[in-house]
Amino acid sequence: MSLATKPLSNYIAVVFDFDDTLVPDTVDNLLESLSIDHQEFRQQQIQPLVNQGWDNIMARFYALIAESKRQNHKITQEYIAEFGRKLAPFKGVSEMFDRLRKSAKKINPKVEIEFYLITCGMVEVARHNCIASEFKAMWGCEFHYNEKGGIEFMKKLVTHTEKTRYLFQLAKGDDDHQNNGKSYVYRDLPQEELRIPLSQVIYVGDGASDIPCFSLLNEERGVAIGVHKNSTAEAWSRELGISESQRVVNLAPAEYEENSELMRSLTLAVESMCKQISLAQLSVGE
């Protein structure tokens, strides 16, 4: 490799948010499993806390823990695991992983696609979901459980801005998942020390928690893709307050069937990166 060429990586990372991106909102559906109207719960239990200055993520989990205690510690580790197993992903999600792997191999057989999940929601739900085995790593919020097995407190929180530290972590290829703050120094690492440069990362998310990741990947020339349930690009951007630096390359419905707009977007992003890697391989004589 000459000094004029970039370090070569044969890896592409496709990173997903979880709630409302791959599956329906987990807190809302968990509440429904307890026969609680989630909209009423938001208005009466969560919003008053937010109005008092609580962080949105903390407010949701505090209210959920309080509700579990009111129901004699109903939400346990086993309850969450069973809920995760029963939660159905959006249509086409289960088949999406192999589709993208095959698309990459058609363009460049040397390229490996890796999937990651970064959520501000309950990662323990994701770990028990039917698609869990597709991910190389998952990061998100976790509960501490009391002696009865019920949710007692938050053991780990992933905030909106902290999502970016896990992008740096997967870029470095570090398997240390501890929340020690070291991931923030990854930005300063030489490119040759990165296992997956952020220019070879595709991030898919649906909302406000994903904006810092959108911004980072725009800066690093990765690919940011937005998903929505029932919205237009203008309404979605206006609702989230998307700035120029946070824009996504495409905004599509959260539908993963083979010919859907989102699946076409993901496939094109993967194929484009594969071609860029092929070009780099030519320059180093691979």
Protein backbone atom coordinates (compact mmCIF):
# COMPACT_ATOMS: atom_id res chain seq x y z
CA MET A 1 0.00 0.00 0.00
CA SER A 2 1.41 3.39 -0.97
CA LEU A 3 1.32 6.41 1.27
CA ALA A 4 -1.28 7.91 -1.07
CA THR A 5 -3.86 5.17 -0.51
CA LYS A 6 -6.22 4.69 2.41
CA PRO A 7 -5.96 1.74 4.83
CA LEU A 8 -8.12 -1.14 3.62
CA SER A 9 -10.97 -2.73 5.59
CA ASN A 10 -13.13 -5.50 4.17
CA TYR A 11 -15.85 -4.94 6.77
CA ILE A 12 -19.11 -3.02 6.52
CA ALA A 13 -21.17 -2.38 9.65
CA VAL A 14 -24.94 -2.00 9.41
CA VAL A 15 -26.19 -0.52 12.68
CA PHE A 16 -29.82 -0.38 13.77
CA ASP A 17 -31.83 1.32 16.44
CA PHE A 18 -34.44 -1.10 17.86
CA ASP A 19 -37.74 0.48 18.94
CA ASP A 20 -39.84 1.68 15.98
CA THR A 21 -36.98 0.76 13.65
CA LEU A 22 -36.94 -3.05 13.71
CA VAL A 23 -39.83 -3.72 16.10
CA PRO A 24 -42.78 -1.74 17.53
CA ASP A 25 -42.06 0.43 20.58
CA THR A 26 -41.05 -1.98 23.35
CA VAL A 27 -42.24 0.08 26.34
CA ASP A 28 -45.66 0.68 24.78
CA ASN A 29 -46.05 -3.00 23.96
CA LEU A 30 -44.79 -4.09 27.37
CA LEU A 31 -47.42 -1.87 28.97
CA GLU A 32 -50.10 -3.36 26.71
CA SER A 33 -49.01 -6.84 27.85
CA LEU A 34 -49.87 -5.66 31.37
CA SER A 35 -53.31 -4.46 30.15
CA ILE A 36 -52.28 -0.81 30.51
CA ASP A 37 -53.19 1.76 27.88
CA HIS A 38 -49.81 3.10 26.80
CA GLN A 39 -51.09 6.50 25.66
CA GLU A 40 -52.81 7.09 28.99
CA PHE A 41 -49.69 5.91 30.80
CA ARG A 42 -47.55 8.38 28.85
CA GLN A 43 -49.88 11.26 29.67
CA GLN A 44 -50.44 10.46 33.34
CA GLN A 45 -47.19 8.84 34.47
CA ILE A 46 -44.38 9.86 32.13
CA GLN A 47 -45.23 13.36 30.90
CA PRO A 48 -45.60 14.87 34.42
CA LEU A 49 -42.02 13.77 35.15
CA VAL A 50 -40.77 15.27 31.89
CA ASN A 51 -42.59 18.49 32.79
CA GLN A 52 -40.61 18.53 36.05
CA GLY A 53 -37.34 18.41 34.11
CA TRP A 54 -36.74 14.68 33.98
CA ASP A 55 -34.78 13.23 31.08
CA ASN A 56 -37.20 11.44 28.74
CA ILE A 57 -35.42 8.09 28.98
CA MET A 58 -35.16 8.24 32.77
CA ALA A 59 -38.82 9.27 33.06
CA ARG A 60 -40.00 6.30 30.98
CA PHE A 61 -38.05 3.77 32.99
CA TYR A 62 -38.80 5.32 36.38
CA ALA A 63 -42.52 5.19 35.58
CA LEU A 64 -42.21 1.62 34.33
CA ILE A 65 -40.38 0.50 37.46
CA ALA A 66 -42.98 2.23 39.66
CA GLU A 67 -45.77 0.48 37.78
CA SER A 68 -44.08 -2.90 38.21
CA LYS A 69 -43.86 -2.31 41.96
CA ARG A 70 -47.54 -1.35 42.07
CA GLN A 71 -48.26 -4.72 40.47
CA ASN A 72 -46.22 -6.64 43.05
CA HIS A 73 -43.01 -6.67 40.99
CA LYS A 74 -44.80 -7.99 37.92
CA ILE A 75 -42.03 -7.06 35.47
CA THR A 76 -39.23 -9.52 36.17
CA GLN A 77 -36.18 -10.63 34.23
CA GLU A 78 -38.12 -13.70 33.11
CA TYR A 79 -41.10 -11.56 32.09
CA ILE A 80 -38.87 -9.35 29.93
CA ALA A 81 -37.20 -12.37 28.36
CA GLU A 82 -40.54 -13.95 27.47
CA PHE A 83 -41.83 -10.62 26.16
CA GLY A 84 -38.74 -10.35 23.95
CA ARG A 85 -39.28 -13.82 22.54
CA LYS A 86 -42.90 -13.03 21.66
CA LEU A 87 -42.28 -9.57 20.17
CA ALA A 88 -42.57 -9.80 16.38
CA PRO A 89 -40.22 -7.68 14.23
CA PHE A 90 -41.61 -5.68 11.33
CA LYS A 91 -42.33 -7.58 8.12
CA GLY A 92 -39.22 -8.59 6.23
CA VAL A 93 -36.77 -7.88 9.06
CA SER A 94 -35.88 -11.54 9.64
CA GLU A 95 -35.00 -12.03 5.96
CA MET A 96 -33.23 -8.67 5.57
CA PHE A 97 -29.90 -9.79 7.05
CA ASP A 98 -29.23 -12.56 4.53
CA ARG A 99 -30.45 -10.37 1.67
CA LEU A 100 -27.84 -7.75 2.49
CA ARG A 101 -25.09 -10.35 2.92
CA LYS A 102 -25.89 -11.80 -0.50
CA SER A 103 -25.99 -8.35 -2.10
CA ALA A 104 -22.50 -7.63 -0.73
CA LYS A 105 -21.06 -10.95 -1.93
CA LYS A 106 -22.34 -10.34 -5.46
CA ILE A 107 -20.32 -7.14 -5.66
CA ASN A 108 -17.27 -8.17 -3.67
CA PRO A 109 -16.84 -11.70 -2.23
CA LYS A 110 -14.17 -10.45 0.18
CA VAL A 111 -16.51 -8.08 2.00
CA GLU A 112 -18.08 -9.13 5.31
CA ILE A 113 -21.28 -7.49 6.57
CA GLU A 114 -21.65 -7.18 10.33
CA PHE A 115 -24.83 -6.10 12.11
CA TYR A 116 -24.98 -4.12 15.34
CA LEU A 117 -27.77 -2.75 17.52
CA ILE A 118 -27.63 0.44 19.60
CA THR A 119 -30.76 1.38 21.52
CA CYS A 120 -31.86 3.80 24.22
CA GLY A 121 -34.51 1.19 25.00
CA MET A 122 -34.41 -2.20 26.71
CA VAL A 123 -31.55 -4.15 25.17
CA GLU A 124 -32.60 -7.19 27.22
CA VAL A 125 -35.75 -7.41 25.10
CA ALA A 126 -33.61 -7.39 21.96
CA ARG A 127 -31.30 -10.09 23.32
CA HIS A 128 -34.22 -12.50 23.56
CA ASN A 129 -35.82 -11.56 20.26
CA CYS A 130 -35.85 -13.94 17.30
CA ILE A 131 -33.33 -11.77 15.41
CA ALA A 132 -30.79 -11.51 18.26
CA SER A 133 -28.37 -14.02 16.73
CA GLU A 134 -27.90 -11.78 13.67
CA PHE A 135 -26.02 -9.12 15.65
CA LYS A 136 -22.32 -9.10 16.46
CA ALA A 137 -23.01 -6.82 19.44
CA MET A 138 -25.95 -5.10 21.11
CA TRP A 139 -25.85 -2.07 23.40
CA GLY A 140 -28.68 -0.44 25.34
CA CYS A 141 -30.34 0.21 28.70
CA GLU A 142 -30.37 -2.55 31.31
CA PHE A 143 -32.21 -3.11 34.61
CA HIS A 144 -30.99 -4.04 38.06
CA TYR A 145 -33.33 -6.63 39.62
CA ASN A 146 -34.35 -6.97 43.26
CA GLU A 147 -34.47 -10.13 45.38
CA LYS A 148 -37.89 -10.97 43.92
CA GLY A 149 -36.57 -10.72 40.39
CA GLY A 150 -38.49 -7.51 39.70
CA ILE A 151 -37.05 -4.43 38.01
CA GLU A 152 -35.66 -2.20 40.74
CA PHE A 153 -33.38 0.41 39.18
CA MET A 154 -31.44 1.13 36.00
CA LYS A 155 -28.08 -0.62 35.87
CA LYS A 156 -27.09 0.95 32.57
CA LEU A 157 -28.42 3.89 30.57
CA VAL A 158 -27.66 4.72 26.95
CA THR A 159 -28.50 8.33 26.17
CA HIS A 160 -29.00 9.89 22.75
CA THR A 161 -25.49 11.31 22.56
CA GLU A 162 -23.91 8.22 24.10
CA LYS A 163 -25.07 6.15 21.14
CA THR A 164 -22.15 7.61 19.20
CA ARG A 165 -19.59 6.13 21.59
CA TYR A 166 -20.68 2.67 20.49
CA LEU A 167 -20.13 3.63 16.86
CA PHE A 168 -16.56 4.46 17.83
CA GLN A 169 -16.35 1.20 19.77
CA LEU A 170 -17.38 -0.97 16.82
CA ALA A 171 -15.05 1.04 14.56
CA LYS A 172 -12.13 0.15 16.82
CA GLY A 173 -13.26 -3.48 17.09
CA ASP A 174 -13.11 -3.36 20.87
CA ASP A 175 -15.04 -6.12 22.62
CA ASP A 176 -14.91 -4.35 25.99
CA HIS A 177 -18.52 -3.29 26.58
CA GLN A 178 -17.86 -1.54 29.87
CA ASN A 179 -19.09 2.03 30.26
CA ASN A 180 -15.63 3.42 31.03
CA GLY A 181 -15.61 6.40 28.69
CA LYS A 182 -12.57 5.18 26.74
CA SER A 183 -14.60 4.93 23.54
CA TYR A 184 -14.54 8.69 23.19
CA VAL A 185 -10.83 8.62 22.34
CA TYR A 186 -11.44 6.42 19.30
CA ARG A 187 -12.07 9.46 17.14
CA ASP A 188 -8.36 10.33 17.47
CA LEU A 189 -7.07 6.91 16.42
CA PRO A 190 -5.20 6.66 13.11
CA GLN A 191 -7.32 5.16 10.30
CA GLU A 192 -5.04 2.12 10.08
CA GLU A 193 -5.99 1.19 13.65
CA LEU A 194 -9.72 1.11 12.87
CA ARG A 195 -11.26 -2.26 12.14
CA ILE A 196 -14.24 -0.60 10.43
CA PRO A 197 -13.86 3.06 9.37
CA LEU A 198 -17.01 5.08 9.99
CA SER A 199 -17.15 5.74 6.24
CA GLN A 200 -18.11 2.04 5.99
CA VAL A 201 -20.91 2.25 8.54
CA ILE A 202 -24.63 2.41 7.69
CA TYR A 203 -26.90 3.61 10.49
CA VAL A 204 -30.69 3.14 10.49
CA GLY A 205 -32.91 4.90 13.03
CA ASP A 206 -36.33 6.45 13.47
CA GLY A 207 -36.20 9.38 15.84
CA ALA A 208 -34.61 11.91 18.15
CA SER A 209 -32.32 9.39 19.83
CA ASP A 210 -30.64 8.74 16.47
CA ILE A 211 -29.83 12.34 15.55
CA PRO A 212 -26.30 12.32 17.08
CA CYS A 213 -25.48 9.19 15.04
CA PHE A 214 -26.90 10.77 11.87
CA SER A 215 -24.70 13.80 12.46
CA LEU A 216 -21.55 11.76 13.14
CA LEU A 217 -21.93 9.61 10.05
CA ASN A 218 -22.58 12.63 7.86
CA GLU A 219 -19.34 14.09 9.17
CA GLU A 220 -17.43 10.82 8.63
CA ARG A 221 -19.01 10.10 5.20
CA GLY A 222 -20.91 7.06 6.35
CA VAL A 223 -24.58 6.51 5.48
CA ALA A 224 -27.53 7.58 7.65
CA ILE A 225 -30.99 6.27 6.78
CA GLY A 226 -34.18 7.38 8.53
CA VAL A 227 -37.32 5.30 8.96
CA HIS A 228 -40.85 6.35 9.89
CA LYS A 229 -44.26 4.81 10.49
CA ASN A 230 -46.62 7.28 8.85
CA SER A 231 -44.97 10.55 7.97
CA THR A 232 -43.49 12.67 5.21
CA ALA A 233 -39.87 13.72 5.00
CA GLU A 234 -40.82 17.34 5.73
CA ALA A 235 -43.00 16.49 8.74
CA TRP A 236 -40.43 14.04 10.14
CA SER A 237 -37.59 16.55 9.83
CA ARG A 238 -39.70 19.33 11.31
CA GLU A 239 -40.87 17.22 14.24
CA LEU A 240 -37.34 16.14 15.15
CA GLY A 241 -35.73 19.49 14.37
CA ILE A 242 -33.30 17.96 11.88
CA SER A 243 -30.49 20.33 10.88
CA GLU A 244 -28.45 20.28 7.68
CA SER A 245 -25.64 18.29 9.33
CA GLN A 246 -28.10 15.67 10.61
CA ARG A 247 -29.90 14.90 7.36
CA VAL A 248 -30.35 11.32 6.19
CA VAL A 249 -29.69 10.03 2.66
CA ASN A 250 -33.22 8.67 2.54
CA LEU A 251 -36.33 8.49 4.70
CA ALA A 252 -38.52 5.45 4.14
CA PRO A 253 -41.34 3.57 5.87
CA ALA A 254 -40.19 0.90 8.33
CA GLU A 255 -40.91 -1.88 5.84
CA TYR A 256 -38.26 -4.49 5.03
CA GLU A 257 -39.90 -6.56 2.31
CA GLU A 258 -37.64 -7.35 -0.64
CA ASN A 259 -38.87 -4.58 -2.96
CA SER A 260 -39.63 -1.95 -0.34
CA GLU A 261 -38.08 1.51 -0.50
CA LEU A 262 -36.14 0.89 2.71
CA MET A 263 -34.74 -2.42 1.48
CA ARG A 264 -33.70 -0.82 -1.79
CA SER A 265 -31.99 1.96 0.14
CA LEU A 266 -30.09 -0.48 2.33
CA THR A 267 -29.07 -2.61 -0.64
CA LEU A 268 -27.80 0.39 -2.61
CA ALA A 269 -25.83 1.64 0.41
CA VAL A 270 -24.20 -1.77 0.90
CA GLU A 271 -23.43 -2.19 -2.81
CA SER A 272 -21.97 1.31 -3.03
CA MET A 273 -19.62 0.63 -0.12
CA CYS A 274 -18.63 -2.72 -1.64
CA LYS A 275 -17.63 -0.96 -4.85
CA GLN A 276 -15.59 1.58 -2.91
CA ILE A 277 -13.79 -1.28 -1.18
CA SER A 278 -13.21 -2.98 -4.55
CA LEU A 279 -11.63 0.23 -5.85
CA ALA A 280 -9.35 0.37 -2.81
CA GLN A 281 -8.36 -3.26 -3.34
CA LEU A 282 -7.30 -2.47 -6.91
CA SER A 283 -4.94 0.20 -5.64
CA VAL A 284 -3.19 -2.26 -3.28
CA GLY A 285 -3.15 -5.09 -5.80
CA GLU A 286 -5.48 -7.47 -3.99
